[in-house]
């Protein structure tokens, strides 16, 4: 079993070891700011250890703003950069019916393999349909809330697109879909 090494400062154990492109590496703190879009006033500042991703405290800080300023029905929209396009954030905004504009990164598939977006999800049948019109059936859900959809190995073995679809030795394509993926799709729309 592989264990992740977590660096802890001997002089300031509350800080977190930060490693980010274009930033200095070391033990730091991060401040997370909420800004009013109309007047550009900072309405909240929250400090975390440097190894806490910016998206982690977002939902709690949004709830804090709602309670602090009584924004129960008045928050219409939020604008966030691509680092905030996470399933928990999308789910929270969807549940609160807050219009979200969130940037996204274009993830490129493994070179030579068909991109996930080319597999269409059918919510009525709870299956993915591959570009060759075959179904990937639901298999299981992992502890992190990802549903696994697996192709039929026997069908895939004879498929002309096999080498463009998967590199698995057992000829099976597996696609994951988070249980809250609907909320992410709602944000993208």
N, C-alpha and C. Protein backbone atom coordinates (compact mmCIF):
# COMPACT_ATOMS: atom_id res chain seq x y z
N UNK A 1 0.85 -1.18 0.00
CA UNK A 1 0.00 0.00 0.00
C UNK A 1 0.89 1.24 0.00
N UNK A 2 0.65 2.13 -0.95
CA UNK A 2 1.46 3.33 -1.09
C UNK A 2 0.97 4.42 -0.14
N UNK A 3 1.90 5.05 0.58
CA UNK A 3 1.53 6.14 1.48
C UNK A 3 2.06 7.46 0.95
N UNK A 4 1.25 8.48 1.06
CA UNK A 4 1.64 9.81 0.61
C UNK A 4 2.40 10.51 1.73
N UNK A 5 3.56 11.06 1.39
CA UNK A 5 4.35 11.79 2.38
C UNK A 5 3.75 13.17 2.56
N UNK A 6 3.46 13.52 3.79
CA UNK A 6 2.94 14.85 4.10
C UNK A 6 4.00 15.58 4.90
N UNK A 7 4.47 16.68 4.34
CA UNK A 7 5.51 17.47 5.01
C UNK A 7 4.86 18.36 6.07
N UNK A 8 5.47 18.38 7.24
CA UNK A 8 4.96 19.19 8.35
C UNK A 8 6.10 20.08 8.84
N UNK A 9 5.79 21.37 8.97
CA UNK A 9 6.78 22.33 9.44
C UNK A 9 7.08 22.07 10.92
N UNK A 10 8.36 22.11 11.26
CA UNK A 10 8.74 21.94 12.67
C UNK A 10 8.54 23.23 13.46
N UNK A 11 8.50 24.38 12.78
CA UNK A 11 8.33 25.65 13.47
C UNK A 11 6.90 26.19 13.42
N UNK A 12 6.13 25.78 12.40
CA UNK A 12 4.75 26.25 12.26
C UNK A 12 3.90 25.14 11.66
N UNK A 13 3.50 24.16 12.47
CA UNK A 13 2.78 22.99 11.96
C UNK A 13 1.39 23.31 11.36
N UNK A 14 0.84 24.49 11.60
CA UNK A 14 -0.45 24.85 11.01
C UNK A 14 -0.32 25.28 9.55
N UNK A 15 0.89 25.63 9.13
CA UNK A 15 1.09 26.00 7.73
C UNK A 15 1.05 24.74 6.88
N UNK A 16 0.97 24.92 5.57
CA UNK A 16 0.93 23.77 4.67
C UNK A 16 1.98 23.90 3.59
N UNK A 17 2.54 22.76 3.17
CA UNK A 17 3.59 22.77 2.16
C UNK A 17 2.95 22.94 0.79
N UNK A 18 3.26 24.05 0.13
CA UNK A 18 2.64 24.41 -1.14
C UNK A 18 3.60 24.17 -2.29
N UNK A 19 3.07 23.52 -3.33
CA UNK A 19 3.81 23.32 -4.58
C UNK A 19 2.85 23.69 -5.71
N UNK A 20 3.13 24.81 -6.38
CA UNK A 20 2.29 25.27 -7.49
C UNK A 20 3.17 25.85 -8.58
N UNK A 21 2.77 25.65 -9.82
CA UNK A 21 3.52 26.21 -10.94
C UNK A 21 3.58 27.73 -10.81
N UNK A 22 4.76 28.28 -11.00
CA UNK A 22 4.94 29.73 -10.98
C UNK A 22 4.94 30.34 -9.59
N UNK A 23 4.89 29.53 -8.55
CA UNK A 23 4.87 30.03 -7.17
C UNK A 23 6.07 29.46 -6.43
N UNK A 24 6.50 30.13 -5.36
CA UNK A 24 7.59 29.56 -4.57
C UNK A 24 7.12 28.29 -3.85
N UNK A 25 8.01 27.35 -3.64
CA UNK A 25 7.68 26.11 -2.96
C UNK A 25 8.08 26.23 -1.50
N UNK A 26 7.22 25.78 -0.61
CA UNK A 26 7.55 25.83 0.81
C UNK A 26 6.30 25.86 1.68
N UNK A 27 6.48 26.15 2.96
CA UNK A 27 5.38 26.21 3.92
C UNK A 27 4.76 27.60 3.87
N UNK A 28 3.44 27.64 3.62
CA UNK A 28 2.73 28.91 3.47
C UNK A 28 1.31 28.81 4.02
N UNK A 29 0.66 29.97 4.01
CA UNK A 29 -0.78 30.07 4.24
C UNK A 29 -1.37 30.69 2.99
N UNK A 30 -2.65 30.44 2.76
CA UNK A 30 -3.35 31.08 1.64
C UNK A 30 -4.53 31.86 2.18
N UNK A 31 -4.79 33.02 1.56
CA UNK A 31 -6.02 33.72 1.92
C UNK A 31 -6.98 33.61 0.74
N UNK A 32 -8.24 33.31 1.07
CA UNK A 32 -9.29 33.13 0.08
C UNK A 32 -10.24 34.31 0.25
N UNK A 33 -10.40 35.08 -0.81
CA UNK A 33 -11.21 36.29 -0.73
C UNK A 33 -12.49 36.17 -1.54
N UNK A 34 -13.56 36.71 -0.98
CA UNK A 34 -14.82 36.83 -1.69
C UNK A 34 -14.97 38.30 -2.03
N UNK A 35 -15.28 38.58 -3.31
CA UNK A 35 -15.37 39.96 -3.78
C UNK A 35 -16.75 40.22 -4.37
N UNK A 36 -17.35 41.33 -3.98
CA UNK A 36 -18.61 41.77 -4.56
C UNK A 36 -18.32 42.28 -5.97
N UNK A 37 -19.06 41.76 -6.96
CA UNK A 37 -18.77 42.11 -8.36
C UNK A 37 -19.16 43.54 -8.72
N UNK A 38 -20.15 44.07 -8.03
CA UNK A 38 -20.64 45.40 -8.40
C UNK A 38 -19.68 46.51 -7.98
N UNK A 39 -19.13 46.41 -6.77
CA UNK A 39 -18.27 47.47 -6.25
C UNK A 39 -16.82 47.03 -6.02
N UNK A 40 -16.52 45.76 -6.30
CA UNK A 40 -15.18 45.20 -6.08
C UNK A 40 -14.70 45.35 -4.64
N UNK A 41 -15.62 45.16 -3.71
CA UNK A 41 -15.29 45.22 -2.30
C UNK A 41 -15.08 43.80 -1.79
N UNK A 42 -14.00 43.60 -1.05
CA UNK A 42 -13.75 42.30 -0.45
C UNK A 42 -14.72 42.14 0.72
N UNK A 43 -15.55 41.12 0.65
CA UNK A 43 -16.57 40.92 1.69
C UNK A 43 -16.23 39.79 2.65
N UNK A 44 -15.19 39.02 2.33
CA UNK A 44 -14.80 37.94 3.21
C UNK A 44 -13.36 37.53 2.91
N UNK A 45 -12.62 37.22 3.96
CA UNK A 45 -11.27 36.67 3.82
C UNK A 45 -11.19 35.48 4.75
N UNK A 46 -10.70 34.37 4.20
CA UNK A 46 -10.57 33.14 4.97
C UNK A 46 -9.16 32.60 4.74
N UNK A 47 -8.48 32.21 5.81
CA UNK A 47 -7.10 31.74 5.71
C UNK A 47 -7.05 30.23 5.92
N UNK A 48 -6.29 29.56 5.04
CA UNK A 48 -6.06 28.12 5.18
C UNK A 48 -4.56 27.84 5.05
N UNK A 49 -4.20 26.61 5.34
CA UNK A 49 -2.81 26.19 5.12
C UNK A 49 -2.53 26.24 3.62
N UNK A 50 -1.26 26.37 3.26
CA UNK A 50 -0.87 26.52 1.87
C UNK A 50 -1.13 25.31 1.00
N UNK A 51 -1.36 24.15 1.59
CA UNK A 51 -1.61 22.95 0.80
C UNK A 51 -3.10 22.65 0.63
N UNK A 52 -3.96 23.59 0.96
CA UNK A 52 -5.40 23.43 0.78
C UNK A 52 -5.79 24.09 -0.55
N UNK A 53 -6.39 23.31 -1.45
CA UNK A 53 -6.77 23.85 -2.75
C UNK A 53 -7.82 24.95 -2.58
N UNK A 54 -7.75 25.94 -3.45
CA UNK A 54 -8.67 27.09 -3.38
C UNK A 54 -10.15 26.68 -3.37
N UNK A 55 -10.48 25.59 -4.04
CA UNK A 55 -11.88 25.19 -4.16
C UNK A 55 -12.44 24.58 -2.88
N UNK A 56 -11.59 24.09 -1.99
CA UNK A 56 -12.05 23.36 -0.80
C UNK A 56 -12.92 24.22 0.12
N UNK A 57 -12.51 25.43 0.50
CA UNK A 57 -13.36 26.21 1.42
C UNK A 57 -14.50 26.97 0.73
N UNK A 58 -14.62 26.88 -0.59
CA UNK A 58 -15.55 27.75 -1.32
C UNK A 58 -17.01 27.63 -0.85
N UNK A 59 -17.54 26.44 -0.77
CA UNK A 59 -18.96 26.28 -0.41
C UNK A 59 -19.23 26.80 1.00
N UNK A 60 -18.32 26.51 1.94
CA UNK A 60 -18.49 27.02 3.30
C UNK A 60 -18.45 28.54 3.35
N UNK A 61 -17.56 29.14 2.55
CA UNK A 61 -17.47 30.60 2.53
C UNK A 61 -18.71 31.21 1.88
N UNK A 62 -19.24 30.57 0.87
CA UNK A 62 -20.48 31.05 0.24
C UNK A 62 -21.62 31.01 1.25
N UNK A 63 -21.73 29.90 1.98
CA UNK A 63 -22.76 29.78 3.01
C UNK A 63 -22.58 30.86 4.08
N UNK A 64 -21.33 31.14 4.44
CA UNK A 64 -21.02 32.18 5.42
C UNK A 64 -21.52 33.55 4.92
N UNK A 65 -21.29 33.84 3.64
CA UNK A 65 -21.75 35.11 3.06
C UNK A 65 -23.28 35.20 3.06
N UNK A 66 -23.93 34.11 2.72
CA UNK A 66 -25.40 34.07 2.70
C UNK A 66 -25.95 34.38 4.08
N UNK A 67 -25.37 33.74 5.11
CA UNK A 67 -25.84 33.96 6.49
C UNK A 67 -25.46 35.35 7.00
N UNK A 68 -24.23 35.77 6.75
CA UNK A 68 -23.73 37.05 7.26
C UNK A 68 -24.52 38.23 6.73
N UNK A 69 -24.85 38.20 5.43
CA UNK A 69 -25.53 39.33 4.81
C UNK A 69 -27.02 39.08 4.54
N UNK A 70 -27.53 37.93 4.97
CA UNK A 70 -28.95 37.63 4.75
C UNK A 70 -29.31 37.44 3.29
N UNK A 71 -28.40 36.86 2.52
CA UNK A 71 -28.61 36.66 1.07
C UNK A 71 -29.42 35.40 0.77
N UNK A 72 -30.50 35.16 1.47
CA UNK A 72 -31.21 33.90 1.27
C UNK A 72 -31.76 33.74 -0.14
N UNK A 73 -32.31 34.80 -0.74
CA UNK A 73 -32.87 34.69 -2.09
C UNK A 73 -32.25 35.69 -3.06
N UNK A 74 -31.17 36.35 -2.67
CA UNK A 74 -30.69 37.43 -3.51
C UNK A 74 -29.43 37.14 -4.32
N UNK A 75 -28.75 36.03 -4.04
CA UNK A 75 -27.58 35.71 -4.86
C UNK A 75 -28.08 35.09 -6.15
N UNK A 76 -27.83 35.81 -7.24
CA UNK A 76 -28.31 35.34 -8.54
C UNK A 76 -27.25 34.56 -9.28
N UNK A 77 -25.99 34.98 -9.16
CA UNK A 77 -24.94 34.36 -9.97
C UNK A 77 -23.59 34.47 -9.29
N UNK A 78 -22.71 33.56 -9.65
CA UNK A 78 -21.33 33.62 -9.23
C UNK A 78 -20.45 33.38 -10.45
N UNK A 79 -19.26 33.97 -10.43
CA UNK A 79 -18.28 33.77 -11.50
C UNK A 79 -17.00 33.25 -10.84
N UNK A 80 -16.52 32.14 -11.35
CA UNK A 80 -15.35 31.48 -10.76
C UNK A 80 -14.40 31.04 -11.85
N UNK A 81 -13.12 30.94 -11.50
CA UNK A 81 -12.18 30.45 -12.51
C UNK A 81 -12.20 28.92 -12.54
N UNK A 82 -11.45 28.34 -13.47
CA UNK A 82 -11.49 26.91 -13.75
C UNK A 82 -11.14 26.03 -12.55
N UNK A 83 -10.39 26.53 -11.61
CA UNK A 83 -10.03 25.74 -10.44
C UNK A 83 -11.23 25.39 -9.56
N UNK A 84 -12.34 26.06 -9.78
CA UNK A 84 -13.53 25.84 -8.97
C UNK A 84 -14.56 24.93 -9.65
N UNK A 85 -14.24 24.41 -10.82
CA UNK A 85 -15.16 23.52 -11.53
C UNK A 85 -15.03 22.11 -10.95
N UNK A 86 -15.54 21.97 -9.72
CA UNK A 86 -15.52 20.67 -9.04
C UNK A 86 -16.95 20.21 -8.85
N UNK A 87 -17.13 18.92 -8.72
CA UNK A 87 -18.48 18.39 -8.56
C UNK A 87 -19.15 18.90 -7.29
N UNK A 88 -18.47 18.96 -6.12
CA UNK A 88 -19.15 19.47 -4.92
C UNK A 88 -19.61 20.93 -5.07
N UNK A 89 -18.81 21.77 -5.71
CA UNK A 89 -19.20 23.17 -5.90
C UNK A 89 -20.38 23.25 -6.86
N UNK A 90 -20.33 22.53 -7.95
CA UNK A 90 -21.44 22.54 -8.91
C UNK A 90 -22.73 22.05 -8.25
N UNK A 91 -22.63 21.00 -7.44
CA UNK A 91 -23.81 20.46 -6.75
C UNK A 91 -24.38 21.50 -5.78
N UNK A 92 -23.53 22.15 -5.01
CA UNK A 92 -24.01 23.16 -4.06
C UNK A 92 -24.70 24.32 -4.77
N UNK A 93 -24.10 24.81 -5.86
CA UNK A 93 -24.70 25.92 -6.61
C UNK A 93 -26.00 25.49 -7.26
N UNK A 94 -26.05 24.26 -7.76
CA UNK A 94 -27.27 23.73 -8.37
C UNK A 94 -28.38 23.66 -7.31
N UNK A 95 -28.05 23.12 -6.13
CA UNK A 95 -29.03 23.02 -5.05
C UNK A 95 -29.54 24.39 -4.61
N UNK A 96 -28.65 25.40 -4.62
CA UNK A 96 -29.04 26.76 -4.23
C UNK A 96 -29.66 27.54 -5.39
N UNK A 97 -29.68 26.93 -6.57
CA UNK A 97 -30.21 27.56 -7.79
C UNK A 97 -29.51 28.89 -8.08
N UNK A 98 -28.18 28.88 -7.94
CA UNK A 98 -27.38 30.06 -8.24
C UNK A 98 -26.73 29.85 -9.60
N UNK A 99 -26.99 30.75 -10.51
CA UNK A 99 -26.40 30.67 -11.85
C UNK A 99 -24.89 30.76 -11.72
N UNK A 100 -24.18 29.85 -12.36
CA UNK A 100 -22.73 29.81 -12.22
C UNK A 100 -22.04 29.93 -13.57
N UNK A 101 -21.06 30.80 -13.60
CA UNK A 101 -20.17 30.89 -14.76
C UNK A 101 -18.81 30.46 -14.24
N UNK A 102 -18.39 29.28 -14.66
CA UNK A 102 -17.13 28.73 -14.18
C UNK A 102 -16.27 28.36 -15.39
N UNK A 103 -15.07 28.88 -15.41
CA UNK A 103 -14.16 28.54 -16.50
C UNK A 103 -13.87 27.05 -16.50
N UNK A 104 -13.38 26.56 -17.59
CA UNK A 104 -12.99 25.15 -17.62
C UNK A 104 -11.70 24.97 -18.40
N UNK A 105 -11.02 23.91 -18.05
CA UNK A 105 -9.79 23.57 -18.76
C UNK A 105 -10.13 22.51 -19.79
N UNK A 106 -9.51 22.61 -20.93
CA UNK A 106 -9.71 21.60 -21.96
C UNK A 106 -8.73 20.47 -21.70
N UNK A 107 -9.23 19.39 -21.11
CA UNK A 107 -8.38 18.24 -20.85
C UNK A 107 -8.27 17.43 -22.13
N UNK A 108 -7.07 17.19 -22.54
CA UNK A 108 -6.89 16.39 -23.75
C UNK A 108 -6.77 14.93 -23.34
N UNK A 109 -7.40 14.06 -24.12
CA UNK A 109 -7.33 12.63 -23.79
C UNK A 109 -5.91 12.11 -23.99
N UNK A 110 -5.68 10.92 -23.52
CA UNK A 110 -4.39 10.28 -23.76
C UNK A 110 -4.19 10.24 -25.26
N UNK A 111 -3.00 10.60 -25.69
CA UNK A 111 -2.71 10.69 -27.12
C UNK A 111 -3.09 9.38 -27.82
N UNK A 112 -3.89 9.50 -28.86
CA UNK A 112 -4.30 8.34 -29.64
C UNK A 112 -5.59 7.70 -29.18
N UNK A 113 -6.13 8.14 -28.03
CA UNK A 113 -7.38 7.55 -27.53
C UNK A 113 -8.56 8.50 -27.72
N UNK A 114 -9.72 7.92 -27.91
CA UNK A 114 -10.96 8.67 -28.10
C UNK A 114 -11.31 9.42 -26.80
N UNK A 115 -11.70 10.68 -26.92
CA UNK A 115 -12.05 11.50 -25.75
C UNK A 115 -13.35 11.01 -25.11
N UNK A 116 -13.46 11.21 -23.80
CA UNK A 116 -14.64 10.77 -23.05
C UNK A 116 -15.92 11.41 -23.57
N UNK A 117 -15.84 12.66 -24.02
CA UNK A 117 -17.05 13.36 -24.46
C UNK A 117 -17.69 12.69 -25.68
N UNK A 118 -16.95 11.85 -26.38
CA UNK A 118 -17.50 11.15 -27.54
C UNK A 118 -18.38 9.97 -27.13
N UNK A 119 -18.34 9.62 -25.85
CA UNK A 119 -19.23 8.59 -25.30
C UNK A 119 -20.43 9.32 -24.72
N UNK A 120 -21.61 9.02 -25.20
CA UNK A 120 -22.81 9.75 -24.78
C UNK A 120 -23.51 9.04 -23.62
N UNK A 121 -23.86 9.82 -22.61
CA UNK A 121 -24.57 9.26 -21.46
C UNK A 121 -26.06 9.25 -21.73
N UNK A 122 -26.71 8.12 -21.46
CA UNK A 122 -28.16 7.97 -21.60
C UNK A 122 -28.73 7.84 -20.18
N UNK A 123 -29.31 8.93 -19.63
CA UNK A 123 -29.78 8.89 -18.24
C UNK A 123 -30.96 7.93 -18.02
N UNK A 124 -31.79 7.73 -19.04
CA UNK A 124 -32.94 6.83 -18.87
C UNK A 124 -32.50 5.38 -18.69
N UNK A 125 -31.48 4.97 -19.43
CA UNK A 125 -30.99 3.60 -19.34
C UNK A 125 -29.80 3.48 -18.38
N UNK A 126 -29.26 4.62 -17.94
CA UNK A 126 -28.08 4.67 -17.07
C UNK A 126 -26.92 3.90 -17.68
N UNK A 127 -26.62 4.25 -18.93
CA UNK A 127 -25.51 3.63 -19.66
C UNK A 127 -24.79 4.70 -20.47
N UNK A 128 -23.57 4.42 -20.86
CA UNK A 128 -22.86 5.24 -21.84
C UNK A 128 -22.93 4.50 -23.17
N UNK A 129 -23.00 5.26 -24.26
CA UNK A 129 -23.02 4.69 -25.61
C UNK A 129 -21.70 5.08 -26.28
N UNK A 130 -20.98 4.09 -26.76
CA UNK A 130 -19.68 4.36 -27.39
C UNK A 130 -19.90 4.84 -28.83
N UNK A 131 -18.86 5.35 -29.48
CA UNK A 131 -18.99 5.82 -30.87
C UNK A 131 -19.46 4.72 -31.84
N UNK A 132 -19.28 3.46 -31.46
CA UNK A 132 -19.74 2.34 -32.31
C UNK A 132 -21.15 1.90 -31.93
N UNK A 133 -21.84 2.67 -31.07
CA UNK A 133 -23.23 2.44 -30.64
C UNK A 133 -23.42 1.25 -29.70
N UNK A 134 -22.36 0.87 -28.97
CA UNK A 134 -22.46 -0.20 -27.98
C UNK A 134 -22.58 0.42 -26.60
N UNK A 135 -23.26 -0.29 -25.69
CA UNK A 135 -23.49 0.23 -24.34
C UNK A 135 -22.38 -0.14 -23.37
N UNK A 136 -22.04 0.80 -22.52
CA UNK A 136 -21.17 0.55 -21.38
C UNK A 136 -22.10 0.55 -20.17
N UNK A 137 -22.29 -0.61 -19.55
CA UNK A 137 -23.26 -0.77 -18.48
C UNK A 137 -22.69 -0.33 -17.13
N UNK A 138 -23.60 0.12 -16.26
CA UNK A 138 -23.21 0.48 -14.91
C UNK A 138 -22.67 -0.76 -14.20
N UNK A 139 -21.57 -0.59 -13.45
CA UNK A 139 -20.96 -1.72 -12.75
C UNK A 139 -21.01 -1.53 -11.24
N UNK A 140 -20.44 -0.42 -10.75
CA UNK A 140 -20.37 -0.19 -9.31
C UNK A 140 -20.10 1.29 -9.05
N UNK A 141 -20.20 1.70 -7.80
CA UNK A 141 -19.87 3.07 -7.39
C UNK A 141 -18.77 2.98 -6.34
N UNK A 142 -17.69 3.76 -6.54
CA UNK A 142 -16.59 3.70 -5.57
C UNK A 142 -16.86 4.60 -4.36
N UNK A 143 -15.96 4.60 -3.42
CA UNK A 143 -16.13 5.37 -2.17
C UNK A 143 -16.15 6.87 -2.39
N UNK A 144 -15.58 7.32 -3.50
CA UNK A 144 -15.54 8.75 -3.78
C UNK A 144 -16.75 9.23 -4.58
N UNK A 145 -17.72 8.35 -4.81
CA UNK A 145 -18.94 8.73 -5.51
C UNK A 145 -18.85 8.63 -7.02
N UNK A 146 -17.87 7.89 -7.54
CA UNK A 146 -17.75 7.72 -8.98
C UNK A 146 -18.37 6.40 -9.41
N UNK A 147 -19.33 6.49 -10.32
CA UNK A 147 -19.95 5.30 -10.90
C UNK A 147 -19.07 4.79 -12.02
N UNK A 148 -18.91 3.49 -12.10
CA UNK A 148 -18.09 2.87 -13.14
C UNK A 148 -19.02 2.27 -14.20
N UNK A 149 -18.74 2.58 -15.45
CA UNK A 149 -19.48 2.02 -16.58
C UNK A 149 -18.48 1.22 -17.42
N UNK A 150 -18.81 -0.05 -17.67
CA UNK A 150 -17.86 -0.94 -18.35
C UNK A 150 -18.47 -1.52 -19.62
N UNK A 151 -17.59 -1.63 -20.61
CA UNK A 151 -18.02 -2.20 -21.89
C UNK A 151 -18.00 -3.73 -21.80
N UNK A 152 -18.63 -4.35 -22.80
CA UNK A 152 -18.62 -5.80 -22.93
C UNK A 152 -17.31 -6.20 -23.60
N UNK A 153 -16.46 -6.93 -22.90
CA UNK A 153 -15.14 -7.30 -23.40
C UNK A 153 -15.20 -8.06 -24.72
N UNK A 154 -16.19 -8.92 -24.84
CA UNK A 154 -16.30 -9.75 -26.06
C UNK A 154 -16.62 -8.90 -27.28
N UNK A 155 -17.48 -7.90 -27.11
CA UNK A 155 -17.80 -6.99 -28.22
C UNK A 155 -16.59 -6.14 -28.56
N UNK A 156 -15.93 -5.62 -27.52
CA UNK A 156 -14.78 -4.73 -27.72
C UNK A 156 -13.61 -5.45 -28.39
N UNK A 157 -13.43 -6.71 -28.06
CA UNK A 157 -12.30 -7.47 -28.60
C UNK A 157 -12.30 -7.46 -30.14
N UNK A 158 -13.49 -7.45 -30.74
CA UNK A 158 -13.60 -7.49 -32.20
C UNK A 158 -13.85 -6.11 -32.82
N UNK A 159 -13.85 -5.07 -32.00
CA UNK A 159 -14.17 -3.72 -32.49
C UNK A 159 -13.03 -3.13 -33.31
N UNK A 160 -13.34 -2.52 -34.47
CA UNK A 160 -12.30 -1.91 -35.28
C UNK A 160 -11.65 -0.68 -34.63
N UNK A 161 -12.31 -0.11 -33.60
CA UNK A 161 -11.79 1.08 -32.93
C UNK A 161 -11.11 0.75 -31.60
N UNK A 162 -10.90 -0.52 -31.31
CA UNK A 162 -10.36 -0.93 -30.01
C UNK A 162 -9.09 -0.19 -29.64
N UNK A 163 -8.12 -0.09 -30.53
CA UNK A 163 -6.84 0.55 -30.20
C UNK A 163 -6.98 2.06 -29.98
N UNK A 164 -8.08 2.65 -30.50
CA UNK A 164 -8.32 4.08 -30.28
C UNK A 164 -9.17 4.32 -29.04
N UNK A 165 -9.73 3.23 -28.48
CA UNK A 165 -10.66 3.34 -27.37
C UNK A 165 -10.02 3.05 -26.02
N UNK A 166 -9.26 1.97 -25.94
CA UNK A 166 -8.67 1.57 -24.66
C UNK A 166 -7.35 0.85 -24.89
N UNK A 167 -6.52 0.91 -23.89
CA UNK A 167 -5.26 0.17 -23.93
C UNK A 167 -5.27 -0.95 -22.90
N UNK A 168 -6.45 -1.23 -22.33
CA UNK A 168 -6.52 -2.27 -21.30
C UNK A 168 -6.26 -3.64 -21.91
N UNK A 169 -5.57 -4.47 -21.17
CA UNK A 169 -5.21 -5.80 -21.65
C UNK A 169 -6.44 -6.71 -21.79
N UNK A 170 -7.48 -6.43 -21.02
CA UNK A 170 -8.68 -7.28 -21.10
C UNK A 170 -9.71 -6.74 -22.11
N UNK A 171 -9.34 -5.72 -22.89
CA UNK A 171 -10.18 -5.16 -23.96
C UNK A 171 -11.47 -4.53 -23.43
N UNK A 172 -11.43 -3.98 -22.23
CA UNK A 172 -12.63 -3.39 -21.65
C UNK A 172 -12.43 -1.89 -21.43
N UNK A 173 -13.38 -1.11 -21.92
CA UNK A 173 -13.37 0.34 -21.71
C UNK A 173 -14.14 0.63 -20.42
N UNK A 174 -13.56 1.47 -19.56
CA UNK A 174 -14.22 1.87 -18.31
C UNK A 174 -14.33 3.39 -18.31
N UNK A 175 -15.53 3.89 -18.06
CA UNK A 175 -15.77 5.33 -17.95
C UNK A 175 -16.34 5.60 -16.57
N UNK A 176 -15.88 6.69 -15.94
CA UNK A 176 -16.41 7.04 -14.62
C UNK A 176 -17.30 8.28 -14.74
N UNK A 177 -18.29 8.32 -13.87
CA UNK A 177 -19.23 9.44 -13.80
C UNK A 177 -19.59 9.66 -12.34
N UNK A 178 -19.35 10.87 -11.86
CA UNK A 178 -19.65 11.17 -10.46
C UNK A 178 -21.16 11.19 -10.25
N UNK A 179 -21.59 10.82 -9.04
CA UNK A 179 -23.03 10.79 -8.74
C UNK A 179 -23.66 12.18 -8.86
N UNK A 180 -22.85 13.24 -8.77
CA UNK A 180 -23.35 14.61 -8.91
C UNK A 180 -23.00 15.21 -10.27
N UNK A 181 -22.63 14.39 -11.23
CA UNK A 181 -22.21 14.89 -12.54
C UNK A 181 -23.30 15.74 -13.20
N UNK A 182 -24.56 15.45 -12.93
CA UNK A 182 -25.67 16.24 -13.45
C UNK A 182 -25.52 17.71 -13.12
N UNK A 183 -25.06 18.00 -11.92
CA UNK A 183 -24.88 19.39 -11.49
C UNK A 183 -23.77 20.06 -12.29
N UNK A 184 -22.72 19.32 -12.60
CA UNK A 184 -21.62 19.87 -13.39
C UNK A 184 -22.12 20.15 -14.81
N UNK A 185 -22.94 19.26 -15.35
CA UNK A 185 -23.51 19.47 -16.68
C UNK A 185 -24.43 20.70 -16.68
N UNK A 186 -25.17 20.89 -15.57
CA UNK A 186 -26.05 22.06 -15.44
C UNK A 186 -25.22 23.34 -15.49
N UNK A 187 -24.09 23.35 -14.81
CA UNK A 187 -23.20 24.53 -14.81
C UNK A 187 -22.67 24.77 -16.22
N UNK A 188 -22.24 23.71 -16.90
CA UNK A 188 -21.69 23.86 -18.25
C UNK A 188 -22.73 24.43 -19.23
N UNK A 189 -23.98 24.03 -19.05
CA UNK A 189 -25.04 24.55 -19.94
C UNK A 189 -25.26 26.02 -19.71
